[in-house]
């Protein structure tokens, strides 16, 4: 069955559901990942804060996968929200060039 994810908040209940469907506890998944149950609970509580690599590992353990699909035209509002804010005008700062470049000394540094 497919579960489209359109927001980061949808990942948490899907992870919990996949784990329970696999018949595993948080402690069992944590042991397979090599982390504590508390660490895995934090990942499950806020999966958006974990790395994509860790998320893929968890999904593989639970029999899930990520499928990307394009379902029509891009959402114009989402594109505008993803664009960086326009740059504000900044003052130009002039940096004076050094008057004379000195050659390095032959004195050894006491490192």
Foldseek 3Di string as FASTA:
>chain_A
DDDDDDDQVVVLVVLVVLCVVLVHDLQVLCVVVVHHSVVSVVCSVRVVPDDPVVVQVSCVVSVHDDDDDDDDDDDPVVVVVPDDDDDDDDDDDDDDDDPDDDDDDPDDDPD
